[in-house]
Structures are given as C-alpha cells and as structure tokens.
Amino acid sequence: MADDQLSKPFEKSAMTEAEKRDMKKDIKKQMVVFVLLLFLTVLAFAAVASDAVPNNFAVPFILILAVVQLFLQLLFFMHMKDKDHAWATVFMITGVFVTVPTIVALMLLIGVVKY
C-alpha cells in the first residue's frame, strides 16, 4: 500500500512562487556565467593558438583570464556570493595567504625567479 504512494507524482510543490522565481533567476545567472566561462576558455586557447597575443604577454593574459574564471566559479558555482558562507570564505582567504608566499618562496629557492 505504501509503494503505491511512491509512484504517484506530487500534486503541489513545496516551494512558494517567490522561491520558484528566485530559482529560475539563479539558473539563468548560472547559465550565463557558464557560457561566459566557456568563452573565456576559448579566448585563452584561441589567443595562444593564433599568436594574437605577443609572447611576452601570453602568460599574464592567461593568468588574468584564469583569475577572472576563478572568481566567477567561486561566486556563482561555489555560492560564495550567498549568505552564511563566512567560514568558507575565511578558510579560502587563509589558504591564499598561505599558498602565495609558499609558492613565491619555493620559486626563489629553486631559482626560477632570480632576484
């Protein structure tokens, strides 16, 4: 008898109309950001493959595109723009402040950057 109830669709959604509108807006935003991320990826590949970007600016150009993609992914797909993500934000910022000096120090020790 209980199995018969499981096969029937819900008659009414538990979401309010405002929640449905908000969800549709969020889905549209995520689709736009996804297309933008794809465009930035194609732009990076095309810029390097076609030699449109000078050789001495290729690496900074790709790194700039990567940072833009990182922030878009954090804000929209990791939901860092939403409320109640303070601890996740603190841990990510702490990770950046630990990682960047570590990479710089290792590059200086190995001799990749000679200053």
Protein backbone atom coordinates (compact mmCIF):
# COMPACT_ATOMS: atom_id res chain seq x y z
CA MET A 1 0.00 0.00 0.00
CA ALA A 2 2.83 2.43 0.79
CA ASP A 3 4.54 1.61 -2.52
CA ASP A 4 1.50 2.87 -4.44
CA GLN A 5 2.00 6.34 -2.98
CA LEU A 6 5.66 6.44 -4.05
CA SER A 7 4.88 6.05 -7.75
CA LYS A 8 2.45 8.99 -7.87
CA PRO A 9 3.72 12.50 -8.71
CA PHE A 10 3.38 15.30 -6.19
CA GLU A 11 0.20 17.28 -6.57
CA LYS A 12 1.69 20.52 -5.37
CA SER A 13 5.24 21.77 -4.99
CA ALA A 14 6.52 22.62 -1.54
CA MET A 15 8.13 25.77 -2.96
CA THR A 16 6.37 29.10 -2.95
CA GLU A 17 6.00 31.13 -6.12
CA ALA A 18 8.67 33.57 -4.93
CA GLU A 19 11.10 30.69 -4.35
CA LYS A 20 10.37 29.33 -7.83
CA ARG A 21 11.06 32.76 -9.38
CA ASP A 22 14.30 33.08 -7.42
CA MET A 23 15.38 29.61 -8.51
CA LYS A 24 14.68 30.43 -12.16
CA LYS A 25 16.71 33.65 -11.84
CA ASP A 26 19.60 31.75 -10.27
CA ILE A 27 19.50 29.13 -13.03
CA LYS A 28 19.58 31.86 -15.69
CA LYS A 29 22.53 33.54 -13.96
CA GLN A 30 24.40 30.25 -13.73
CA MET A 31 23.80 29.53 -17.42
CA VAL A 32 25.07 32.99 -18.40
CA VAL A 33 28.16 32.57 -16.21
CA PHE A 34 28.74 29.08 -17.62
CA VAL A 35 28.67 30.43 -21.18
CA LEU A 36 30.99 33.26 -20.11
CA LEU A 37 33.42 30.73 -18.61
CA LEU A 38 33.36 28.74 -21.83
CA PHE A 39 34.02 31.92 -23.81
CA LEU A 40 36.97 32.84 -21.58
CA THR A 41 38.43 29.35 -22.02
CA VAL A 42 38.05 29.50 -25.80
CA LEU A 43 39.52 33.02 -25.77
CA ALA A 44 42.61 31.80 -23.91
CA PHE A 45 43.12 28.89 -26.31
CA ALA A 46 42.48 30.99 -29.40
CA ALA A 47 44.77 33.80 -28.25
CA VAL A 48 47.69 31.46 -27.79
CA ALA A 49 47.00 29.19 -30.78
CA SER A 50 46.64 32.04 -33.25
CA ASP A 51 49.56 34.07 -31.89
CA ALA A 52 47.20 37.02 -31.43
CA VAL A 53 48.79 37.78 -28.07
CA PRO A 54 52.51 38.67 -28.04
CA ASN A 55 54.75 36.02 -26.49
CA ASN A 56 55.82 38.20 -23.57
CA PHE A 57 52.18 38.94 -22.65
CA ALA A 58 50.73 35.44 -23.21
CA VAL A 59 51.33 34.12 -19.69
CA PRO A 60 49.99 37.22 -17.87
CA PHE A 61 47.00 37.28 -20.24
CA ILE A 62 46.13 33.65 -19.49
CA LEU A 63 46.66 34.21 -15.76
CA ILE A 64 44.31 37.20 -15.84
CA LEU A 65 41.66 35.09 -17.58
CA ALA A 66 42.24 32.30 -15.03
CA VAL A 67 41.75 34.68 -12.10
CA VAL A 68 38.53 36.00 -13.64
CA GLN A 69 37.31 32.43 -14.10
CA LEU A 70 38.29 31.56 -10.53
CA PHE A 71 36.24 34.41 -9.09
CA LEU A 72 33.23 33.64 -11.30
CA GLN A 73 33.33 30.00 -10.25
CA LEU A 74 33.67 30.88 -6.57
CA LEU A 75 30.83 33.38 -6.67
CA PHE A 76 28.31 31.52 -8.77
CA PHE A 77 29.07 27.79 -8.64
CA MET A 78 30.51 27.61 -5.12
CA HIS A 79 27.78 30.04 -3.95
CA MET A 80 30.23 32.32 -2.15
CA LYS A 81 28.02 35.30 -3.01
CA ASP A 82 25.25 33.89 -0.83
CA LYS A 83 24.81 34.48 2.87
CA ASP A 84 26.12 32.14 5.57
CA HIS A 85 29.39 31.34 3.80
CA ALA A 86 31.62 33.37 6.10
CA TRP A 87 33.69 30.45 7.38
CA ALA A 88 34.27 29.04 3.92
CA THR A 89 35.40 32.49 2.79
CA VAL A 90 37.75 32.83 5.77
CA PHE A 91 39.33 29.44 5.06
CA MET A 92 39.78 30.22 1.36
CA ILE A 93 41.36 33.60 2.06
CA THR A 94 43.65 31.97 4.65
CA GLY A 95 44.61 29.37 2.06
CA VAL A 96 45.53 32.10 -0.40
CA PHE A 97 47.66 33.89 2.19
CA VAL A 98 49.50 30.65 2.95
CA THR A 99 49.81 29.41 -0.64
CA VAL A 100 51.06 32.54 -2.39
CA PRO A 101 54.07 33.16 -0.10
CA THR A 102 54.89 29.45 -0.19
CA ILE A 103 54.96 29.41 -4.00
CA VAL A 104 56.99 32.62 -4.14
CA ALA A 105 59.49 31.28 -1.61
CA LEU A 106 59.85 27.99 -3.45
CA MET A 107 60.35 29.80 -6.77
CA LEU A 108 63.08 31.92 -5.20
CA LEU A 109 64.76 28.88 -3.60
CA ILE A 110 64.67 26.78 -6.75
CA GLY A 111 65.92 29.68 -8.82
CA VAL A 112 63.06 30.07 -11.26
CA VAL A 113 62.95 33.78 -10.45
CA LYS A 114 66.39 35.29 -9.99
CA TYR A 115 66.31 38.46 -7.90
